Amino acid sequence: MISLLNAYFVNVYVSNEDYRRKAPSVPEEERKAYDQIYHAALKKKLSTGTVHVYVLTPEGDPIDSIHVAHASPDKVTATLKAAVEKLGTPEGKPLFEPKPQSFSPKADLEALVLHLIARAVPGKVGGFWGYLPGEDWIVYAPAEWAKFLPPAGSAAGASWDIDRDVAVKLLNYFYPSTENNDISKNEIEQVSMKGTLVSNDRVRLDASLRMKHPFYHKKDGATVDAVAVGVLDFDAAKPAIRKFRMATEKATYNGGTFGVAVRSVP
């Protein structure tokens, strides 16, 4: 399937939020092209919707479509082969070199940049969404990440509560892939993060979270319950955080299980 995509197609993916929000973040011309493809597929009585694969001619005319819930490797491969045969498309090299789909945002050199990956455990969450990892980037300004560090004069073994806003800024993203990625719709029912000074340059973090996160964009009662442990290495003299790592020990959502891993990047 990947070979077919690379050799015969120009692959494009879009985010619905960029096109369908009240103030679209894409140019008007691009939004109109998006709508044109959708309405052309409707007229041809093809499967349509906001989570679809559309196969287009070079002119942008849809000739086939697949709902993502039905987009198994066999189904997609068969659809692609049929399109190549119908259009007589010659094999060629990819027009664009592969590159990461998610990358670190621009940030001040003194900022703490965290890369978070969340994924459902296979077999525990049904359907298409269980196969998709979610990625997020969380950026802490120096005044924020300083609140992860121990209070002045702390000795090994000392514990303290991490500032709630600082903890929530990270834990708000502790959920598996869902249709809804608007964290403003999260409802945090319980959250805690405690720091413990393990040595003069290392802090252990223990976090817990109970949070309602709608799978779609309306309330549905789906709830995250998560327990996570982390460690950060710091330089007290500067001060600076040299390394940050965190992972869930246990996490459930909407009847299934998932895992989250967080790491700092330079």
Protein backbone atom coordinates (compact mmCIF):
# COMPACT_ATOMS: atom_id res chain seq x y z
CA MET A 1 0.00 0.00 0.00
CA ILE A 2 2.78 2.44 0.88
CA SER A 3 4.63 1.58 -2.32
CA LEU A 4 1.49 2.30 -4.35
CA LEU A 5 0.98 5.64 -2.62
CA ASN A 6 4.59 6.68 -3.17
CA ALA A 7 4.84 5.54 -6.79
CA TYR A 8 1.47 6.64 -8.23
CA PHE A 9 -0.11 9.31 -6.04
CA VAL A 10 0.50 12.74 -4.56
CA ASN A 11 -0.55 12.29 -0.94
CA VAL A 12 -2.32 15.08 0.90
CA TYR A 13 -3.96 15.09 4.32
CA VAL A 14 -5.90 17.90 5.95
CA SER A 15 -7.30 18.66 9.39
CA ASN A 16 -11.01 19.40 9.54
CA GLU A 17 -10.44 22.02 12.22
CA ASP A 18 -8.38 24.11 9.77
CA TYR A 19 -11.24 24.26 7.27
CA ARG A 20 -14.47 24.08 9.26
CA ARG A 21 -13.92 26.35 12.26
CA LYS A 22 -15.64 29.76 12.34
CA ALA A 23 -12.35 31.41 11.42
CA PRO A 24 -10.56 28.94 9.06
CA SER A 25 -6.77 28.96 9.29
CA VAL A 26 -6.29 28.18 5.58
CA PRO A 27 -6.61 30.56 2.60
CA GLU A 28 -10.11 31.04 1.19
CA GLU A 29 -9.06 29.53 -2.15
CA GLU A 30 -7.92 26.35 -0.43
CA ARG A 31 -11.10 26.11 1.63
CA LYS A 32 -13.19 26.42 -1.56
CA ALA A 33 -11.16 23.63 -3.20
CA TYR A 34 -11.81 21.44 -0.17
CA ASP A 35 -15.57 22.10 -0.40
CA GLN A 36 -15.55 21.51 -4.15
CA ILE A 37 -14.11 18.02 -3.72
CA TYR A 38 -16.67 17.20 -1.05
CA HIS A 39 -19.67 18.39 -3.09
CA ALA A 40 -18.39 16.70 -6.27
CA ALA A 41 -18.23 13.41 -4.35
CA LEU A 42 -21.79 13.97 -3.13
CA LYS A 43 -23.06 14.47 -6.69
CA LYS A 44 -21.39 11.23 -7.77
CA LYS A 45 -23.02 9.43 -4.81
CA LEU A 46 -19.64 8.41 -3.43
CA SER A 47 -19.18 7.83 0.28
CA THR A 48 -18.62 11.24 1.87
CA GLY A 49 -17.93 12.71 5.28
CA THR A 50 -15.39 14.53 7.40
CA VAL A 51 -13.21 11.45 8.00
CA HIS A 52 -12.71 10.10 4.50
CA VAL A 53 -10.10 9.15 1.97
CA TYR A 54 -10.78 10.72 -1.44
CA VAL A 55 -9.04 9.48 -4.59
CA LEU A 56 -8.82 12.30 -7.13
CA THR A 57 -7.81 12.78 -10.75
CA PRO A 58 -4.94 15.19 -11.46
CA GLU A 59 -7.65 17.83 -12.00
CA GLY A 60 -9.04 17.27 -8.52
CA ASP A 61 -12.14 15.33 -9.56
CA PRO A 62 -13.05 12.55 -7.07
CA ILE A 63 -13.30 9.07 -8.58
CA ASP A 64 -13.50 7.01 -5.40
CA SER A 65 -13.65 7.37 -1.62
CA ILE A 66 -13.39 5.32 1.56
CA HIS A 67 -14.65 6.03 5.06
CA VAL A 68 -11.68 5.71 7.40
CA ALA A 69 -13.54 3.09 9.44
CA HIS A 70 -13.40 0.86 6.34
CA ALA A 71 -9.88 1.83 5.26
CA SER A 72 -8.19 -1.50 5.94
CA PRO A 73 -4.88 -2.14 4.13
CA ASP A 74 -6.59 -4.58 1.74
CA LYS A 75 -9.41 -2.14 0.96
CA VAL A 76 -7.08 0.80 0.39
CA THR A 77 -4.71 -1.29 -1.76
CA ALA A 78 -7.55 -2.51 -3.96
CA THR A 79 -8.92 1.02 -4.34
CA LEU A 80 -5.53 2.44 -5.27
CA LYS A 81 -4.86 -0.28 -7.84
CA ALA A 82 -8.25 0.32 -9.42
CA ALA A 83 -7.53 4.05 -9.69
CA VAL A 84 -4.11 3.46 -11.28
CA GLU A 85 -5.67 1.12 -13.83
CA LYS A 86 -8.54 3.51 -14.59
CA LEU A 87 -6.32 6.57 -15.02
CA GLY A 88 -3.36 4.80 -16.62
CA THR A 89 -1.02 6.53 -14.18
CA PRO A 90 2.68 5.82 -14.87
CA GLU A 91 4.95 4.88 -11.99
CA GLY A 92 7.21 7.63 -10.69
CA LYS A 93 9.28 8.85 -7.77
CA PRO A 94 7.64 10.67 -4.86
CA LEU A 95 7.38 14.40 -5.45
CA PHE A 96 8.33 15.15 -1.86
CA GLU A 97 10.90 13.57 0.41
CA PRO A 98 9.50 11.90 3.56
CA LYS A 99 9.75 14.05 6.69
CA PRO A 100 8.28 14.04 10.19
CA GLN A 101 4.62 14.97 10.37
CA SER A 102 5.04 16.49 13.81
CA PHE A 103 8.01 18.65 14.73
CA SER A 104 9.23 20.78 17.59
CA PRO A 105 7.75 24.29 17.65
CA LYS A 106 9.94 27.36 17.69
CA ALA A 107 10.73 28.29 21.26
CA ASP A 108 13.06 30.44 23.31
CA LEU A 109 16.40 28.76 24.05
CA GLU A 110 15.61 28.80 27.78
CA ALA A 111 12.19 27.17 27.32
CA LEU A 112 11.45 23.56 28.26
CA VAL A 113 9.99 21.78 25.22
CA LEU A 114 8.23 18.47 25.86
CA HIS A 115 7.21 15.95 23.19
CA LEU A 116 4.24 13.79 24.17
CA ILE A 117 3.02 10.61 22.47
CA ALA A 118 -0.23 8.91 23.47
CA ARG A 119 -1.54 5.64 22.08
CA ALA A 120 -4.28 3.15 22.81
CA VAL A 121 -3.14 -0.34 23.77
CA PRO A 122 -3.96 -2.68 20.81
CA GLY A 123 -7.05 -4.75 21.34
CA LYS A 124 -8.43 -2.57 24.12
CA VAL A 125 -10.03 0.24 22.10
CA GLY A 126 -12.10 -0.80 19.11
CA GLY A 127 -12.08 0.66 15.65
CA PHE A 128 -9.78 2.83 13.60
CA TRP A 129 -8.78 5.24 16.36
CA GLY A 130 -7.01 2.54 18.34
CA TYR A 131 -4.31 2.33 15.66
CA LEU A 132 -3.39 6.01 15.69
CA PRO A 133 -0.77 7.55 17.99
CA GLY A 134 -1.36 11.14 19.05
CA GLU A 135 1.45 13.69 19.34
CA ASP A 136 1.60 17.02 21.12
CA TRP A 137 4.24 19.58 22.01
CA ILE A 138 4.12 21.43 25.33
CA VAL A 139 6.33 24.49 25.83
CA TYR A 140 7.12 25.82 29.30
CA ALA A 141 8.62 29.27 29.78
CA PRO A 142 11.39 29.52 32.40
CA ALA A 143 8.99 30.96 34.98
CA GLU A 144 6.77 27.89 34.48
CA TRP A 145 9.33 25.06 34.42
CA ALA A 146 11.04 26.52 37.50
CA LYS A 147 7.99 25.34 39.45
CA PHE A 148 9.02 21.72 38.81
CA LEU A 149 12.18 22.34 40.86
CA PRO A 150 12.48 21.91 44.65
CA PRO A 151 12.02 24.89 46.96
CA ALA A 152 15.25 26.54 48.05
CA GLY A 153 17.02 24.70 50.86
CA SER A 154 15.33 21.34 50.21
CA ALA A 155 17.22 18.21 51.23
CA ALA A 156 17.08 14.76 49.64
CA GLY A 157 13.76 13.11 50.43
CA ALA A 158 11.82 16.39 50.58
CA SER A 159 8.46 16.46 48.74
CA TRP A 160 6.27 19.29 47.50
CA ASP A 161 3.16 19.82 45.37
CA ILE A 162 3.77 20.99 41.81
CA ASP A 163 1.83 24.13 40.88
CA ARG A 164 -1.59 23.03 39.58
CA ASP A 165 -1.50 25.16 36.41
CA VAL A 166 1.93 23.80 35.52
CA ALA A 167 0.75 20.22 36.05
CA VAL A 168 -2.48 20.72 34.10
CA LYS A 169 -0.62 22.24 31.15
CA LEU A 170 0.93 18.81 30.59
CA LEU A 171 -1.72 16.42 31.89
CA ASN A 172 -4.44 18.01 29.73
CA TYR A 173 -2.94 16.01 26.84
CA PHE A 174 -3.09 12.63 28.58
CA TYR A 175 -5.70 10.93 26.39
CA PRO A 176 -5.52 8.57 23.37
CA SER A 177 -6.41 9.60 19.80
CA THR A 178 -9.97 10.86 19.55
CA GLU A 179 -12.07 12.87 17.12
CA ASN A 180 -11.93 15.78 19.57
CA ASN A 181 -8.61 17.50 20.22
CA ASP A 182 -9.95 20.68 21.82
CA ILE A 183 -8.51 20.60 25.33
CA SER A 184 -10.78 23.47 26.36
CA LYS A 185 -13.55 20.86 26.42
CA ASN A 186 -11.71 18.76 29.02
CA GLU A 187 -13.22 18.75 32.51
CA ILE A 188 -10.61 17.96 35.15
CA GLU A 189 -12.20 16.33 38.17
CA GLN A 190 -8.99 15.46 40.05
CA VAL A 191 -5.36 16.25 39.38
CA SER A 192 -2.19 16.07 41.43
CA MET A 193 1.53 16.14 40.77
CA LYS A 194 4.09 15.79 43.53
CA GLY A 195 7.82 16.31 43.32
CA THR A 196 10.36 14.45 45.47
CA LEU A 197 14.02 15.40 45.61
CA VAL A 198 15.87 12.14 45.02
CA SER A 199 19.37 13.64 44.95
CA ASN A 200 20.90 17.07 44.56
CA ASP A 201 20.22 17.03 40.80
CA ARG A 202 17.23 14.71 40.32
CA VAL A 203 13.50 15.02 41.01
CA ARG A 204 10.91 12.26 40.89
CA LEU A 205 7.42 13.26 39.75
CA ASP A 206 4.26 11.37 40.69
CA ALA A 207 1.03 12.41 38.96
CA SER A 208 -2.58 11.32 38.94
CA LEU A 209 -5.48 12.53 36.81
CA ARG A 210 -9.20 12.04 36.43
CA MET A 211 -10.57 14.02 33.49
CA LYS A 212 -13.63 13.98 31.29
CA HIS A 213 -12.57 14.16 27.64
CA PRO A 214 -15.37 13.94 25.03
CA PHE A 215 -14.53 11.52 22.23
CA TYR A 216 -16.37 13.78 19.77
CA HIS A 217 -17.17 17.44 20.31
CA LYS A 218 -20.03 17.04 22.78
CA LYS A 219 -20.22 15.75 26.32
CA ASP A 220 -20.42 11.98 26.49
CA GLY A 221 -19.11 11.03 29.94
CA ALA A 222 -15.91 9.47 28.56
CA THR A 223 -13.31 9.75 31.32
CA VAL A 224 -9.54 9.49 31.61
CA ASP A 225 -8.06 7.90 34.74
CA ALA A 226 -4.27 7.98 34.72
CA VAL A 227 -1.32 7.49 37.04
CA ALA A 228 2.12 8.56 35.80
CA VAL A 229 5.66 8.72 37.10
CA GLY A 230 8.47 10.91 35.85
CA VAL A 231 12.01 12.03 36.51
CA LEU A 232 13.82 15.25 35.72
CA ASP A 233 17.51 16.01 35.98
CA PHE A 234 18.41 19.61 36.73
CA ASP A 235 21.32 21.91 37.30
CA ALA A 236 20.64 23.89 40.46
CA ALA A 237 23.49 26.32 39.80
CA LYS A 238 22.04 27.80 36.58
CA PRO A 239 19.18 26.76 37.22
CA ALA A 240 18.14 24.59 34.26
CA ILE A 241 16.31 21.34 33.52
CA ARG A 242 18.66 19.05 31.59
CA LYS A 243 16.29 16.16 30.98
CA PHE A 244 12.59 15.41 31.56
CA ARG A 245 10.93 12.00 31.20
CA MET A 246 7.45 10.82 32.18
CA ALA A 247 5.27 7.79 31.37
CA THR A 248 1.96 6.41 32.52
CA GLU A 249 1.98 3.43 34.87
CA LYS A 250 -1.73 2.90 34.32
CA ALA A 251 -4.22 4.77 32.13
CA THR A 252 -7.78 4.02 31.06
CA TYR A 253 -10.24 5.85 28.84
CA ASN A 254 -13.79 5.06 27.80
CA GLY A 255 -13.51 1.34 28.55
CA GLY A 256 -10.03 0.87 27.07
CA THR A 257 -6.42 1.32 28.11
CA PHE A 258 -3.74 3.60 26.70
CA GLY A 259 -0.23 4.80 27.39
CA VAL A 260 1.54 8.16 27.35
CA ALA A 261 5.25 8.90 27.12
CA VAL A 262 6.80 12.36 27.48
CA ARG A 263 10.38 13.47 26.82
CA SER A 264 12.20 16.77 26.67
CA VAL A 265 13.91 17.80 23.43
CA PRO A 266 16.84 20.20 22.99
